[in-house]
N, C-alpha and C. Protein backbone atom coordinates (compact mmCIF):
# COMPACT_ATOMS: atom_id res chain seq x y z
N MET A 1 -4.00 16.58 -0.80
CA MET A 1 -3.80 15.96 -2.11
C MET A 1 -3.32 14.52 -1.91
N GLY A 2 -3.93 13.60 -2.62
CA GLY A 2 -3.55 12.19 -2.54
C GLY A 2 -2.42 11.87 -3.49
N TYR A 3 -2.01 10.62 -3.47
CA TYR A 3 -0.92 10.17 -4.32
C TYR A 3 -1.39 9.76 -5.72
N ALA A 4 -2.70 9.53 -5.89
CA ALA A 4 -3.21 9.08 -7.19
C ALA A 4 -4.57 9.70 -7.46
N THR A 5 -4.86 9.89 -8.73
CA THR A 5 -6.15 10.42 -9.15
C THR A 5 -7.06 9.28 -9.61
N VAL A 6 -8.33 9.59 -9.78
CA VAL A 6 -9.29 8.60 -10.27
C VAL A 6 -8.89 8.15 -11.66
N THR A 7 -8.41 9.06 -12.48
CA THR A 7 -7.97 8.72 -13.83
C THR A 7 -6.79 7.76 -13.78
N GLU A 8 -5.83 8.02 -12.88
CA GLU A 8 -4.68 7.12 -12.73
C GLU A 8 -5.11 5.75 -12.22
N LEU A 9 -6.10 5.72 -11.33
CA LEU A 9 -6.62 4.45 -10.85
C LEU A 9 -7.25 3.66 -11.99
N ALA A 10 -8.03 4.32 -12.82
CA ALA A 10 -8.66 3.64 -13.96
C ALA A 10 -7.61 3.08 -14.90
N THR A 11 -6.55 3.83 -15.14
CA THR A 11 -5.45 3.36 -15.99
C THR A 11 -4.76 2.16 -15.35
N TYR A 12 -4.48 2.25 -14.06
CA TYR A 12 -3.81 1.17 -13.34
C TYR A 12 -4.63 -0.11 -13.41
N LEU A 13 -5.94 0.02 -13.22
CA LEU A 13 -6.82 -1.14 -13.22
C LEU A 13 -7.17 -1.62 -14.63
N GLY A 14 -6.87 -0.77 -15.63
CA GLY A 14 -7.17 -1.13 -17.01
C GLY A 14 -8.65 -1.10 -17.32
N VAL A 15 -9.35 -0.18 -16.67
CA VAL A 15 -10.79 -0.07 -16.89
C VAL A 15 -11.15 1.37 -17.25
N GLY A 16 -12.33 1.53 -17.78
CA GLY A 16 -12.84 2.88 -18.04
C GLY A 16 -13.32 3.51 -16.75
N GLY A 17 -13.36 4.82 -16.72
CA GLY A 17 -13.80 5.55 -15.53
C GLY A 17 -15.20 5.19 -15.09
N GLY A 18 -16.06 4.77 -16.01
CA GLY A 18 -17.43 4.44 -15.66
C GLY A 18 -17.56 3.13 -14.88
N THR A 19 -16.52 2.30 -14.89
CA THR A 19 -16.60 1.02 -14.18
C THR A 19 -15.95 1.08 -12.80
N LEU A 20 -15.47 2.23 -12.41
CA LEU A 20 -14.90 2.39 -11.07
C LEU A 20 -16.03 2.58 -10.06
N PRO A 21 -15.77 2.25 -8.79
CA PRO A 21 -16.80 2.49 -7.79
C PRO A 21 -17.08 3.99 -7.66
N ALA A 22 -18.30 4.31 -7.27
CA ALA A 22 -18.70 5.72 -7.14
C ALA A 22 -17.83 6.46 -6.11
N ASP A 23 -17.32 5.74 -5.13
CA ASP A 23 -16.50 6.36 -4.08
C ASP A 23 -15.00 6.18 -4.32
N ALA A 24 -14.59 6.12 -5.57
CA ALA A 24 -13.18 5.91 -5.90
C ALA A 24 -12.28 6.98 -5.29
N SER A 25 -12.73 8.22 -5.28
CA SER A 25 -11.92 9.30 -4.69
C SER A 25 -11.68 9.07 -3.21
N ARG A 26 -12.71 8.65 -2.50
CA ARG A 26 -12.59 8.37 -1.07
C ARG A 26 -11.64 7.20 -0.83
N LEU A 27 -11.77 6.15 -1.65
CA LEU A 27 -10.88 5.00 -1.51
C LEU A 27 -9.43 5.39 -1.75
N LEU A 28 -9.19 6.25 -2.74
CA LEU A 28 -7.83 6.71 -3.02
C LEU A 28 -7.26 7.51 -1.85
N GLU A 29 -8.09 8.35 -1.24
CA GLU A 29 -7.63 9.12 -0.09
C GLU A 29 -7.26 8.21 1.07
N ARG A 30 -8.11 7.24 1.36
CA ARG A 30 -7.84 6.29 2.46
C ARG A 30 -6.62 5.44 2.16
N ALA A 31 -6.50 4.99 0.92
CA ALA A 31 -5.33 4.20 0.53
C ALA A 31 -4.07 5.04 0.65
N GLY A 32 -4.14 6.31 0.24
CA GLY A 32 -3.01 7.21 0.37
C GLY A 32 -2.59 7.40 1.82
N ASP A 33 -3.58 7.48 2.72
CA ASP A 33 -3.27 7.59 4.15
C ASP A 33 -2.52 6.36 4.64
N LEU A 34 -2.94 5.19 4.18
CA LEU A 34 -2.28 3.94 4.58
C LEU A 34 -0.86 3.87 4.02
N VAL A 35 -0.68 4.30 2.79
CA VAL A 35 0.65 4.34 2.17
C VAL A 35 1.54 5.31 2.93
N LYS A 36 0.99 6.45 3.30
CA LYS A 36 1.76 7.44 4.07
C LYS A 36 2.21 6.84 5.41
N LEU A 37 1.33 6.10 6.05
CA LEU A 37 1.67 5.45 7.31
C LEU A 37 2.76 4.39 7.10
N ALA A 38 2.63 3.59 6.06
CA ALA A 38 3.59 2.52 5.79
C ALA A 38 4.99 3.07 5.50
N THR A 39 5.05 4.27 4.94
CA THR A 39 6.34 4.87 4.60
C THR A 39 6.84 5.84 5.67
N LEU A 40 6.09 5.91 6.76
CA LEU A 40 6.39 6.89 7.82
C LEU A 40 6.47 8.30 7.25
N ASN A 41 5.64 8.56 6.25
CA ASN A 41 5.55 9.87 5.58
C ASN A 41 6.88 10.31 4.98
N ARG A 42 7.69 9.36 4.52
CA ARG A 42 9.00 9.69 3.94
C ARG A 42 8.95 9.80 2.43
N GLY A 43 7.77 9.61 1.83
CA GLY A 43 7.67 9.69 0.38
C GLY A 43 7.90 11.10 -0.13
N ASN A 44 8.71 11.21 -1.15
CA ASN A 44 9.05 12.51 -1.73
C ASN A 44 8.42 12.59 -3.12
N VAL A 45 7.33 13.33 -3.26
CA VAL A 45 6.65 13.41 -4.55
C VAL A 45 7.43 14.23 -5.56
N ALA A 46 8.48 14.91 -5.14
CA ALA A 46 9.34 15.64 -6.08
C ALA A 46 10.30 14.67 -6.78
N ASP A 47 10.53 13.50 -6.19
CA ASP A 47 11.37 12.47 -6.80
C ASP A 47 10.47 11.61 -7.69
N VAL A 48 10.76 11.58 -8.98
CA VAL A 48 9.89 10.89 -9.94
C VAL A 48 9.72 9.42 -9.61
N GLU A 49 10.79 8.75 -9.23
CA GLU A 49 10.73 7.32 -8.92
C GLU A 49 9.83 7.07 -7.70
N GLN A 50 10.00 7.88 -6.67
CA GLN A 50 9.18 7.72 -5.47
C GLN A 50 7.73 8.11 -5.75
N LYS A 51 7.52 9.16 -6.50
CA LYS A 51 6.15 9.59 -6.83
C LYS A 51 5.41 8.48 -7.57
N THR A 52 6.09 7.83 -8.50
CA THR A 52 5.49 6.72 -9.25
C THR A 52 5.16 5.56 -8.31
N ALA A 53 6.08 5.24 -7.40
CA ALA A 53 5.85 4.15 -6.45
C ALA A 53 4.69 4.47 -5.52
N LEU A 54 4.61 5.70 -5.05
CA LEU A 54 3.52 6.11 -4.17
C LEU A 54 2.18 6.03 -4.90
N ARG A 55 2.15 6.46 -6.14
CA ARG A 55 0.93 6.39 -6.95
C ARG A 55 0.52 4.94 -7.17
N ASP A 56 1.47 4.11 -7.59
CA ASP A 56 1.16 2.72 -7.88
C ASP A 56 0.77 1.95 -6.62
N ALA A 57 1.41 2.24 -5.50
CA ALA A 57 1.07 1.58 -4.24
C ALA A 57 -0.35 1.96 -3.81
N THR A 58 -0.71 3.21 -4.00
CA THR A 58 -2.05 3.67 -3.65
C THR A 58 -3.09 2.97 -4.52
N CYS A 59 -2.83 2.88 -5.80
CA CYS A 59 -3.75 2.19 -6.71
C CYS A 59 -3.82 0.70 -6.39
N ALA A 60 -2.69 0.10 -6.05
CA ALA A 60 -2.67 -1.32 -5.70
C ALA A 60 -3.48 -1.58 -4.44
N GLN A 61 -3.43 -0.64 -3.50
CA GLN A 61 -4.20 -0.79 -2.27
C GLN A 61 -5.70 -0.75 -2.57
N VAL A 62 -6.11 0.17 -3.43
CA VAL A 62 -7.53 0.23 -3.82
C VAL A 62 -7.91 -1.05 -4.54
N GLU A 63 -7.05 -1.54 -5.43
CA GLU A 63 -7.32 -2.80 -6.13
C GLU A 63 -7.52 -3.94 -5.13
N PHE A 64 -6.69 -3.99 -4.11
CA PHE A 64 -6.80 -5.00 -3.06
C PHE A 64 -8.15 -4.89 -2.36
N TRP A 65 -8.52 -3.68 -1.98
CA TRP A 65 -9.80 -3.48 -1.30
C TRP A 65 -10.98 -3.85 -2.21
N LEU A 66 -10.87 -3.57 -3.50
CA LEU A 66 -11.95 -3.94 -4.42
C LEU A 66 -12.07 -5.45 -4.52
N SER A 67 -10.97 -6.15 -4.28
CA SER A 67 -10.97 -7.61 -4.35
C SER A 67 -11.49 -8.26 -3.06
N VAL A 68 -11.01 -7.77 -1.90
CA VAL A 68 -11.35 -8.42 -0.63
C VAL A 68 -12.34 -7.65 0.21
N GLY A 69 -12.61 -6.42 -0.17
CA GLY A 69 -13.51 -5.57 0.60
C GLY A 69 -12.73 -4.59 1.46
N GLU A 70 -13.18 -3.37 1.49
CA GLU A 70 -12.48 -2.34 2.25
C GLU A 70 -12.53 -2.62 3.75
N ASP A 71 -13.60 -3.25 4.23
CA ASP A 71 -13.70 -3.53 5.65
C ASP A 71 -12.61 -4.49 6.12
N HIS A 72 -11.93 -5.13 5.18
CA HIS A 72 -10.80 -6.00 5.50
C HIS A 72 -9.72 -5.22 6.28
N ALA A 73 -9.58 -3.93 5.97
CA ALA A 73 -8.59 -3.11 6.65
C ALA A 73 -8.96 -2.88 8.11
N VAL A 74 -10.24 -3.05 8.42
CA VAL A 74 -10.71 -2.86 9.78
C VAL A 74 -10.80 -4.19 10.52
N THR A 75 -11.42 -5.18 9.87
CA THR A 75 -11.66 -6.46 10.53
C THR A 75 -10.50 -7.42 10.39
N GLY A 76 -9.71 -7.28 9.34
CA GLY A 76 -8.57 -8.16 9.13
C GLY A 76 -8.96 -9.54 8.67
N GLU A 77 -7.99 -10.39 8.60
CA GLU A 77 -8.21 -11.77 8.16
C GLU A 77 -8.72 -12.59 9.33
N SER A 78 -9.57 -13.52 9.04
CA SER A 78 -10.06 -14.39 10.10
C SER A 78 -9.16 -15.61 10.18
N GLY A 79 -9.27 -16.31 11.28
CA GLY A 79 -8.53 -17.54 11.43
C GLY A 79 -7.28 -17.37 12.25
N GLY A 80 -6.47 -18.37 12.24
CA GLY A 80 -5.24 -18.39 13.00
C GLY A 80 -4.70 -19.80 13.01
N VAL A 81 -3.79 -20.05 13.92
CA VAL A 81 -3.15 -21.35 14.01
C VAL A 81 -3.22 -21.83 15.44
N SER A 82 -3.54 -23.10 15.61
CA SER A 82 -3.54 -23.72 16.94
C SER A 82 -2.55 -24.87 16.95
N ILE A 83 -1.69 -24.90 17.97
CA ILE A 83 -0.76 -26.00 18.19
C ILE A 83 -0.95 -26.41 19.63
N GLY A 84 -1.63 -27.52 19.82
CA GLY A 84 -1.96 -27.93 21.18
C GLY A 84 -2.86 -26.89 21.83
N SER A 85 -2.44 -26.38 22.99
CA SER A 85 -3.25 -25.36 23.67
C SER A 85 -2.84 -23.94 23.27
N LEU A 86 -1.83 -23.82 22.43
CA LEU A 86 -1.38 -22.50 21.97
C LEU A 86 -2.18 -22.07 20.76
N ARG A 87 -2.73 -20.88 20.80
CA ARG A 87 -3.50 -20.33 19.67
C ARG A 87 -2.89 -18.99 19.29
N ILE A 88 -2.57 -18.85 18.02
CA ILE A 88 -2.05 -17.58 17.50
C ILE A 88 -3.02 -17.10 16.44
N ASP A 89 -3.67 -15.98 16.72
CA ASP A 89 -4.60 -15.40 15.76
C ASP A 89 -3.83 -14.57 14.76
N SER A 90 -4.30 -14.59 13.52
CA SER A 90 -3.63 -13.81 12.49
C SER A 90 -3.94 -12.34 12.68
N LEU A 91 -2.96 -11.52 12.42
CA LEU A 91 -3.15 -10.08 12.48
C LEU A 91 -3.68 -9.59 11.14
N PRO A 92 -4.43 -8.52 11.15
CA PRO A 92 -4.97 -8.03 9.88
C PRO A 92 -3.86 -7.56 8.95
N GLN A 93 -3.97 -7.97 7.70
CA GLN A 93 -3.05 -7.46 6.68
C GLN A 93 -3.65 -6.16 6.21
N GLN A 94 -2.99 -5.06 6.50
CA GLN A 94 -3.54 -3.78 6.12
C GLN A 94 -3.05 -3.35 4.75
N LEU A 95 -1.74 -3.36 4.56
CA LEU A 95 -1.19 -2.92 3.28
C LEU A 95 -1.06 -4.10 2.34
N ALA A 96 -1.61 -3.95 1.16
CA ALA A 96 -1.56 -5.01 0.16
C ALA A 96 -0.10 -5.33 -0.19
N LEU A 97 0.17 -6.60 -0.43
CA LEU A 97 1.53 -7.02 -0.76
C LEU A 97 2.06 -6.29 -1.99
N ARG A 98 1.24 -6.16 -3.01
CA ARG A 98 1.68 -5.46 -4.23
C ARG A 98 2.02 -4.00 -3.92
N ALA A 99 1.23 -3.37 -3.06
CA ALA A 99 1.52 -1.98 -2.67
C ALA A 99 2.86 -1.91 -1.94
N TRP A 100 3.06 -2.84 -1.00
CA TRP A 100 4.32 -2.87 -0.26
C TRP A 100 5.50 -3.06 -1.20
N ASN A 101 5.35 -3.93 -2.19
CA ASN A 101 6.44 -4.18 -3.14
C ASN A 101 6.85 -2.92 -3.88
N TYR A 102 5.88 -2.14 -4.35
CA TYR A 102 6.20 -0.88 -5.04
C TYR A 102 7.02 0.03 -4.14
N LEU A 103 6.62 0.13 -2.88
CA LEU A 103 7.31 1.01 -1.94
C LEU A 103 8.69 0.48 -1.56
N PHE A 104 8.80 -0.83 -1.40
CA PHE A 104 10.07 -1.45 -1.04
C PHE A 104 11.12 -1.22 -2.12
N LEU A 105 10.72 -1.34 -3.37
CA LEU A 105 11.68 -1.24 -4.47
C LEU A 105 12.34 0.13 -4.59
N VAL A 106 11.73 1.16 -4.01
CA VAL A 106 12.36 2.48 -4.03
C VAL A 106 12.87 2.88 -2.64
N GLY A 107 12.92 1.91 -1.72
CA GLY A 107 13.51 2.15 -0.42
C GLY A 107 12.61 2.84 0.59
N LEU A 108 11.30 2.86 0.36
CA LEU A 108 10.42 3.57 1.28
C LEU A 108 9.91 2.71 2.43
N THR A 109 10.17 1.41 2.42
CA THR A 109 9.74 0.57 3.54
C THR A 109 10.92 -0.04 4.28
N PHE A 110 12.12 0.21 3.83
CA PHE A 110 13.31 -0.36 4.46
C PHE A 110 13.52 0.28 5.83
N ARG A 111 13.69 -0.54 6.86
CA ARG A 111 13.85 -0.03 8.21
C ARG A 111 15.22 -0.36 8.81
N GLY A 112 16.08 -0.99 8.03
CA GLY A 112 17.38 -1.40 8.55
C GLY A 112 18.44 -0.34 8.36
N VAL A 113 19.65 -0.76 8.56
CA VAL A 113 20.81 0.13 8.42
C VAL A 113 21.38 -0.08 7.03
N PRO A 114 21.53 1.01 6.23
CA PRO A 114 22.10 0.82 4.90
C PRO A 114 23.53 0.32 4.97
N MET A 115 23.84 -0.62 4.14
CA MET A 115 25.19 -1.18 4.09
C MET A 115 25.79 -0.86 2.73
N GLY A 116 27.02 -0.57 2.72
CA GLY A 116 27.68 -0.26 1.47
C GLY A 116 29.11 0.13 1.74
N PRO A 117 29.79 0.57 0.70
CA PRO A 117 31.20 0.96 0.86
C PRO A 117 31.33 2.09 1.88
N ARG A 118 32.29 1.96 2.75
CA ARG A 118 32.56 3.03 3.72
C ARG A 118 33.91 3.62 3.44
N GLU A 119 34.03 4.87 3.75
CA GLU A 119 35.30 5.55 3.61
C GLU A 119 36.14 5.25 4.83
N VAL A 120 37.36 4.79 4.63
CA VAL A 120 38.25 4.50 5.75
C VAL A 120 39.33 5.56 5.80
N ASN A 121 39.53 6.13 6.98
CA ASN A 121 40.53 7.19 7.13
C ASN A 121 41.89 6.61 7.40
């Protein structure tokens, strides 16, 4: 089971179901796999806030692919930067920024140490 349905994708994109690509289900499954990887499979669909973020991130990923092409996830961005004899090629952006933002806001992409009030004995 994926994080989003074709109906939810159509709602997210603000289009009717007839204007979605014929392979929308496949795109949603692949996008869901990428979201699962980005969250290290820590998404909890029983938590309403996380479930919403997972759904929206999956739809945002499909939206990104519809804009730049799905093969972008395989081939990545072209180009890079050269400074003198040093060349740094750009790495492929796999997860769409909007998708990452949805996941970040509910704590699913945070990799640091949580900071907050500590109990002192």
